[in-house]
N, C-alpha and C. Protein backbone atom coordinates (compact mmCIF):
# COMPACT_ATOMS: atom_id res chain seq x y z
N UNK A 1 68.35 -61.00 -41.97
CA UNK A 1 68.70 -61.86 -43.06
C UNK A 1 68.16 -61.11 -44.29
N UNK A 2 69.55 -61.10 -44.92
CA UNK A 2 69.25 -60.61 -46.17
C UNK A 2 70.18 -61.44 -47.36
N UNK A 3 69.84 -61.68 -48.66
CA UNK A 3 70.02 -62.18 -49.70
C UNK A 3 70.21 -61.12 -50.73
N UNK A 4 71.39 -61.30 -51.39
CA UNK A 4 72.00 -60.44 -52.43
C UNK A 4 72.07 -61.06 -53.74
N UNK A 5 70.88 -60.94 -54.22
CA UNK A 5 70.40 -61.70 -55.68
C UNK A 5 70.66 -60.97 -57.04
N UNK A 6 72.15 -61.26 -57.43
CA UNK A 6 72.70 -60.92 -58.88
C UNK A 6 72.42 -61.38 -59.99
N UNK A 7 72.77 -61.29 -61.15
CA UNK A 7 72.88 -62.17 -62.30
C UNK A 7 73.43 -63.09 -62.25
N UNK A 8 74.47 -63.48 -61.68
CA UNK A 8 75.62 -64.50 -61.69
C UNK A 8 75.90 -65.11 -60.16
N UNK A 9 75.57 -64.43 -59.18
CA UNK A 9 75.52 -64.91 -57.60
C UNK A 9 74.46 -64.57 -56.76
N UNK A 10 74.52 -65.38 -55.75
CA UNK A 10 73.53 -65.08 -54.67
C UNK A 10 74.51 -65.26 -53.57
N UNK A 11 74.54 -64.06 -52.48
CA UNK A 11 75.23 -64.25 -51.33
C UNK A 11 74.10 -63.57 -50.34
N UNK A 12 74.72 -63.69 -48.96
CA UNK A 12 73.68 -63.65 -47.63
C UNK A 12 74.67 -62.93 -46.70
N UNK A 13 74.02 -62.04 -45.98
CA UNK A 13 75.16 -61.78 -44.67
C UNK A 13 74.98 -62.12 -43.53
N UNK A 14 74.77 -63.57 -43.33
CA UNK A 14 74.75 -64.26 -42.58
C UNK A 14 75.33 -65.82 -42.51
N UNK A 15 75.91 -66.02 -43.86
CA UNK A 15 76.83 -67.21 -44.20
C UNK A 15 77.83 -66.81 -45.05
N UNK A 16 78.81 -67.73 -45.09
CA UNK A 16 79.84 -67.57 -46.43
C UNK A 16 79.65 -68.32 -47.37
N UNK A 17 78.44 -68.85 -47.29
CA UNK A 17 77.92 -69.54 -48.58
C UNK A 17 77.51 -68.68 -49.74
N UNK A 18 78.01 -68.77 -50.82
CA UNK A 18 77.71 -67.96 -52.23
C UNK A 18 77.17 -68.79 -53.46
N UNK A 19 76.05 -68.87 -53.65
CA UNK A 19 75.65 -69.56 -55.00
C UNK A 19 76.44 -68.53 -56.19
N UNK A 20 76.79 -69.70 -57.30
CA UNK A 20 77.31 -69.11 -58.54
C UNK A 20 76.80 -69.70 -59.63
N UNK A 21 76.74 -69.10 -60.74
CA UNK A 21 76.25 -69.68 -61.91
C UNK A 21 77.62 -70.70 -62.43
N UNK A 22 76.91 -71.42 -63.17
CA UNK A 22 77.87 -72.04 -63.64
C UNK A 22 78.40 -71.84 -65.33
N UNK A 23 79.59 -71.67 -65.67
CA UNK A 23 79.86 -71.01 -66.89
C UNK A 23 79.22 -71.92 -67.97
N UNK A 24 78.58 -71.46 -69.09
CA UNK A 24 78.11 -72.24 -70.38
C UNK A 24 76.69 -71.72 -70.59
N UNK A 25 76.20 -72.17 -72.10
CA UNK A 25 74.92 -71.78 -72.31
C UNK A 25 73.68 -71.99 -71.42
N UNK A 26 73.82 -73.01 -70.77
CA UNK A 26 72.58 -73.33 -69.84
C UNK A 26 72.70 -72.36 -68.73
N UNK A 27 73.70 -71.97 -67.91
CA UNK A 27 73.98 -71.55 -66.89
C UNK A 27 73.23 -71.78 -65.68
N UNK A 28 73.70 -73.38 -65.22
CA UNK A 28 72.95 -73.43 -63.91
C UNK A 28 73.87 -73.16 -62.84
N UNK A 29 73.56 -73.34 -61.75
CA UNK A 29 73.81 -72.62 -60.31
C UNK A 29 74.46 -73.56 -59.91
N UNK A 30 75.58 -73.46 -58.61
CA UNK A 30 75.98 -74.20 -58.02
C UNK A 30 75.92 -73.59 -56.73
N UNK A 31 76.06 -74.39 -55.61
CA UNK A 31 75.58 -74.10 -54.09
C UNK A 31 76.73 -74.74 -53.34
N UNK A 32 77.56 -74.06 -52.75
CA UNK A 32 78.75 -74.99 -51.68
C UNK A 32 78.24 -76.16 -50.86
N UNK A 33 77.25 -75.73 -50.07
CA UNK A 33 76.50 -76.79 -49.39
C UNK A 33 76.15 -77.93 -49.97
N UNK A 34 76.03 -77.74 -51.33
CA UNK A 34 75.36 -78.69 -52.42
C UNK A 34 76.25 -79.50 -52.99
N UNK A 35 77.64 -79.65 -53.07
CA UNK A 35 78.86 -80.17 -53.78
C UNK A 35 78.29 -81.07 -54.94
N UNK A 36 78.59 -80.59 -56.16
CA UNK A 36 78.40 -81.55 -57.08
C UNK A 36 77.07 -81.25 -57.88
N UNK A 37 75.75 -80.74 -57.50
CA UNK A 37 74.98 -80.74 -57.98
C UNK A 37 74.47 -79.04 -58.61
N UNK A 38 74.21 -79.24 -59.78
CA UNK A 38 74.10 -78.14 -60.46
C UNK A 38 71.87 -77.71 -60.53
N UNK A 39 72.02 -76.84 -60.22
CA UNK A 39 70.50 -76.26 -60.03
C UNK A 39 70.02 -75.10 -60.68
N UNK A 40 68.58 -75.20 -60.61
CA UNK A 40 68.04 -73.55 -61.45
C UNK A 40 68.06 -72.56 -60.28
N UNK A 41 68.35 -71.46 -61.00
CA UNK A 41 68.31 -70.15 -60.40
C UNK A 41 67.41 -70.26 -59.16
N UNK A 42 66.19 -70.74 -59.35
CA UNK A 42 65.44 -70.59 -58.28
C UNK A 42 65.61 -71.64 -57.30
N UNK A 43 65.74 -72.66 -57.51
CA UNK A 43 66.51 -73.55 -56.68
C UNK A 43 67.64 -72.86 -55.91
N UNK A 44 68.56 -72.32 -56.60
CA UNK A 44 69.55 -71.61 -55.83
C UNK A 44 68.91 -70.51 -54.65
N UNK A 45 67.94 -70.14 -55.19
CA UNK A 45 67.59 -69.03 -54.13
C UNK A 45 67.07 -69.99 -52.80
N UNK A 46 66.09 -70.96 -53.17
CA UNK A 46 65.74 -71.40 -52.18
C UNK A 46 66.53 -72.25 -51.12
N UNK A 47 68.12 -72.84 -51.56
CA UNK A 47 68.84 -73.53 -51.28
C UNK A 47 69.84 -72.25 -50.21
N UNK A 48 70.00 -71.11 -50.95
CA UNK A 48 70.57 -69.76 -50.18
C UNK A 48 69.62 -69.59 -48.99
N UNK A 49 68.40 -69.37 -48.85
CA UNK A 49 67.57 -68.97 -47.91
C UNK A 49 67.56 -70.23 -46.59
N UNK A 50 67.89 -71.61 -47.45
CA UNK A 50 68.10 -72.67 -46.12
C UNK A 50 69.17 -72.26 -45.38
N UNK A 51 70.26 -71.64 -46.28
CA UNK A 51 71.47 -71.47 -45.33
C UNK A 51 71.76 -70.58 -44.53
N UNK A 52 71.07 -69.37 -45.27
CA UNK A 52 70.96 -68.11 -44.33
C UNK A 52 70.03 -68.64 -42.91
N UNK A 53 69.05 -69.08 -42.94
CA UNK A 53 67.94 -69.31 -42.01
C UNK A 53 69.05 -70.34 -40.93
N UNK A 54 69.87 -71.18 -41.71
CA UNK A 54 70.35 -71.97 -40.60
C UNK A 54 72.00 -71.73 -40.25
N UNK A 55 72.33 -70.62 -40.48
CA UNK A 55 73.77 -69.90 -40.29
C UNK A 55 74.05 -70.14 -38.78
N UNK A 56 72.98 -69.72 -37.95
CA UNK A 56 73.27 -69.55 -36.42
C UNK A 56 73.33 -70.68 -35.87
N UNK A 57 73.22 -72.37 -36.52
CA UNK A 57 73.35 -73.31 -36.15
C UNK A 57 71.89 -73.78 -35.00
N UNK A 58 71.03 -73.25 -35.07
CA UNK A 58 69.75 -73.61 -33.99
C UNK A 58 68.76 -74.63 -34.88
N UNK A 59 69.09 -74.63 -36.18
CA UNK A 59 68.08 -75.87 -36.86
C UNK A 59 68.92 -77.15 -36.91
N UNK A 60 68.62 -77.54 -35.49
CA UNK A 60 69.43 -79.00 -34.86
C UNK A 60 68.28 -79.99 -35.38
N UNK A 61 68.68 -81.63 -35.23
CA UNK A 61 67.90 -82.47 -35.71
C UNK A 61 66.36 -82.05 -35.26
N UNK A 62 66.31 -81.89 -33.60
CA UNK A 62 64.64 -81.75 -33.42
C UNK A 62 64.03 -80.58 -34.20
N UNK A 63 64.75 -79.82 -34.83
CA UNK A 63 64.02 -78.40 -35.29
C UNK A 63 62.93 -78.83 -36.35
N UNK A 64 61.56 -77.76 -36.40
CA UNK A 64 60.73 -78.23 -37.41
C UNK A 64 61.38 -77.87 -38.74
N UNK A 65 62.35 -77.17 -39.16
CA UNK A 65 62.60 -76.85 -40.34
C UNK A 65 63.89 -78.11 -40.81
N UNK A 66 64.44 -78.80 -39.87
CA UNK A 66 65.13 -79.66 -40.39
C UNK A 66 64.92 -80.66 -41.66
N UNK A 67 63.64 -81.26 -41.63
CA UNK A 67 63.27 -81.87 -42.59
C UNK A 67 63.32 -81.21 -43.89
N UNK A 68 63.29 -79.85 -43.92
CA UNK A 68 63.21 -79.32 -45.30
C UNK A 68 64.79 -79.32 -45.34
N UNK A 69 65.94 -78.91 -44.63
CA UNK A 69 67.20 -78.76 -45.16
C UNK A 69 67.94 -80.38 -45.40
N UNK A 70 66.98 -81.09 -44.50
CA UNK A 70 67.92 -82.88 -45.00
C UNK A 70 67.37 -83.41 -46.47
N UNK A 71 65.85 -82.50 -46.67
CA UNK A 71 65.49 -82.99 -48.45
C UNK A 71 66.58 -82.57 -49.21
N UNK A 72 67.59 -81.43 -49.05
CA UNK A 72 68.33 -81.24 -50.03
C UNK A 72 69.56 -81.72 -50.06
N UNK A 73 69.87 -82.49 -49.12
CA UNK A 73 71.05 -83.28 -48.84
C UNK A 73 71.22 -84.41 -49.51
N UNK A 74 72.54 -84.80 -50.19
CA UNK A 74 73.18 -85.91 -50.90
C UNK A 74 72.62 -86.87 -49.84
N UNK A 75 72.16 -88.13 -50.29
CA UNK A 75 71.83 -89.27 -49.56
C UNK A 75 70.51 -89.14 -48.59
N UNK A 76 70.00 -88.14 -48.90
CA UNK A 76 68.66 -88.15 -47.82
C UNK A 76 67.40 -88.63 -48.74
N UNK A 77 66.64 -89.57 -47.72
CA UNK A 77 65.63 -89.97 -48.67
C UNK A 77 64.53 -90.43 -47.47
């Protein structure tokens, strides 16, 4: 697991997801698996850590980390 955290992007060596800044003054971040959501840099790092951890597909419904992944998804409550 290795994230590459740069000024305008965050990538992973285990997933094709890449978080990027949104152009503008406030520079929020977008993460591909969270479409339509603009988040902070710290939240983008957390989202990319989750993407990296779940890249192998082993975080299924019964996995102990699944509740954390689900909390980030739209329509989860």
